[in-house]
Amino acid sequence: MKPVFYSLGFIFLVFITLALRPVPDATEDQCLITAGIVVDVYEAGTHDINFRLEGSDELFYINRGLESGLNLSEIRAALVGQKVELTYPKHWTPLDPFSKTHHLFKVQLGDQVVFSQFD
């Protein structure tokens, strides 16, 4: 019976380790890029700014964007209905097994960079 408990404990520990690992730092050329028309921008989580793209079931967010000085009303007014380019790292966690939620490193509207986490 003890081996079963040890096995379950080990599996649980691995799950927690994978689930709580941070989003990796990445250079811009290591990131994935998607483009689409913004249909909604809203606050969620801990001062996160979330983006929904037309025809996509994925969620894109700027982690603690409101704490970093971004203004939700201004971003919403500028981006809703506009085609944007979103840059994010490839990241997998068991809490999001199909990788439908993406931490944004860069938001670009045409030639204008709205947000960038890159130096």
Protein backbone atom coordinates (compact mmCIF):
# COMPACT_ATOMS: atom_id res chain seq x y z
CA MET A 1 0.00 0.00 0.00
CA LYS A 2 2.90 2.39 0.74
CA PRO A 3 4.24 2.22 -2.85
CA VAL A 4 0.85 3.45 -4.10
CA PHE A 5 0.96 6.46 -1.77
CA TYR A 6 4.55 7.23 -2.74
CA SER A 7 3.66 7.00 -6.43
CA LEU A 8 0.64 9.28 -6.03
CA GLY A 9 2.70 11.73 -4.00
CA PHE A 10 5.39 11.81 -6.66
CA ILE A 11 2.83 12.36 -9.45
CA PHE A 12 1.21 15.16 -7.46
CA LEU A 13 4.60 16.80 -6.88
CA VAL A 14 5.44 16.65 -10.60
CA PHE A 15 2.01 18.11 -11.48
CA ILE A 16 2.43 21.02 -9.05
CA THR A 17 5.96 21.70 -10.28
CA LEU A 18 4.81 21.86 -13.91
CA ALA A 19 1.68 23.87 -13.10
CA LEU A 20 3.47 26.56 -11.12
CA ARG A 21 6.52 27.08 -13.31
CA PRO A 22 6.81 30.68 -14.52
CA VAL A 23 6.37 31.88 -18.09
CA PRO A 24 9.84 31.68 -19.64
CA ASP A 25 11.85 34.71 -20.66
CA ALA A 26 12.34 34.68 -24.40
CA THR A 27 13.80 36.89 -27.05
CA GLU A 28 11.53 38.26 -29.73
CA ASP A 29 12.81 35.82 -32.35
CA GLN A 30 11.99 32.85 -30.05
CA CYS A 31 8.35 33.90 -29.67
CA LEU A 32 5.21 33.02 -31.57
CA ILE A 33 3.24 35.73 -33.38
CA THR A 34 -0.44 35.85 -34.22
CA ALA A 35 -2.51 38.57 -35.84
CA GLY A 36 -6.19 39.30 -35.74
CA ILE A 37 -8.94 41.81 -35.17
CA VAL A 38 -9.52 42.70 -31.52
CA VAL A 39 -13.16 42.20 -30.48
CA ASP A 40 -12.78 42.80 -26.75
CA VAL A 41 -10.31 44.23 -24.23
CA TYR A 42 -11.11 43.86 -20.55
CA GLU A 43 -9.63 43.57 -17.06
CA ALA A 44 -9.41 40.17 -15.41
CA GLY A 45 -7.32 38.38 -12.82
CA THR A 46 -4.86 40.50 -10.89
CA HIS A 47 -4.96 43.74 -12.92
CA ASP A 48 -4.40 41.80 -16.16
CA ILE A 49 -5.48 43.22 -19.51
CA ASN A 50 -7.14 40.51 -21.60
CA PHE A 51 -7.62 40.50 -25.36
CA ARG A 52 -10.04 38.46 -27.48
CA LEU A 53 -9.51 38.16 -31.22
CA GLU A 54 -12.23 37.66 -33.80
CA GLY A 55 -12.76 33.99 -34.63
CA SER A 56 -10.35 32.76 -31.94
CA ASP A 57 -11.09 30.82 -28.76
CA GLU A 58 -7.66 31.72 -27.36
CA LEU A 59 -7.12 34.30 -24.63
CA PHE A 60 -4.22 36.75 -24.71
CA TYR A 61 -3.24 38.83 -21.69
CA ILE A 62 -0.76 41.40 -20.45
CA ASN A 63 0.17 40.23 -16.98
CA ARG A 64 -0.51 42.99 -14.42
CA GLY A 65 -0.85 45.46 -17.27
CA LEU A 66 -2.87 47.94 -15.23
CA GLU A 67 -0.19 47.99 -12.52
CA SER A 68 2.46 48.82 -15.10
CA GLY A 69 0.77 52.07 -16.09
CA LEU A 70 -1.33 50.96 -19.05
CA ASN A 71 -4.78 52.53 -19.31
CA LEU A 72 -7.59 50.07 -20.09
CA SER A 73 -9.93 52.70 -21.59
CA GLU A 74 -7.23 54.03 -23.92
CA ILE A 75 -6.19 50.56 -25.05
CA ARG A 76 -9.81 49.53 -25.61
CA ALA A 77 -10.55 52.69 -27.64
CA ALA A 78 -7.41 52.26 -29.74
CA LEU A 79 -7.54 48.52 -30.41
CA VAL A 80 -11.13 47.24 -30.56
CA GLY A 81 -11.98 46.67 -34.21
CA GLN A 82 -8.33 47.00 -35.27
CA LYS A 83 -5.98 44.35 -36.63
CA VAL A 84 -3.12 43.82 -34.19
CA GLU A 85 -0.05 41.62 -34.02
CA LEU A 86 0.46 39.76 -30.73
CA THR A 87 3.80 38.25 -29.68
CA TYR A 88 3.98 35.60 -26.97
CA PRO A 89 6.31 32.79 -25.83
CA LYS A 90 5.57 29.14 -26.37
CA HIS A 91 4.58 27.88 -22.92
CA TRP A 92 2.77 24.77 -21.69
CA THR A 93 1.26 24.02 -18.30
CA PRO A 94 -1.08 21.25 -17.13
CA LEU A 95 -3.50 23.98 -16.01
CA ASP A 96 -3.85 24.95 -19.69
CA PRO A 97 -3.17 21.64 -21.48
CA PHE A 98 -4.28 22.89 -24.92
CA SER A 99 -2.30 26.17 -24.67
CA LYS A 100 -5.30 28.47 -25.16
CA THR A 101 -4.04 31.22 -22.82
CA HIS A 102 -1.04 33.32 -23.81
CA HIS A 103 1.07 35.79 -21.83
CA LEU A 104 1.79 38.69 -24.18
CA PHE A 105 5.27 40.07 -24.59
CA LYS A 106 4.32 42.58 -27.30
CA VAL A 107 1.19 44.21 -28.78
CA GLN A 108 1.60 46.04 -32.05
CA LEU A 109 -0.91 48.05 -34.10
CA GLY A 110 0.57 48.60 -37.54
CA ASP A 111 3.95 50.24 -36.96
CA GLN A 112 2.99 51.42 -33.46
CA VAL A 113 4.10 49.32 -30.48
CA VAL A 114 1.31 49.57 -27.89
CA PHE A 115 3.06 47.38 -25.32
CA SER A 116 6.41 45.63 -25.19
CA GLN A 117 8.11 43.56 -22.53
CA PHE A 118 11.29 43.39 -24.63
CA ASP A 119 14.19 45.73 -23.88
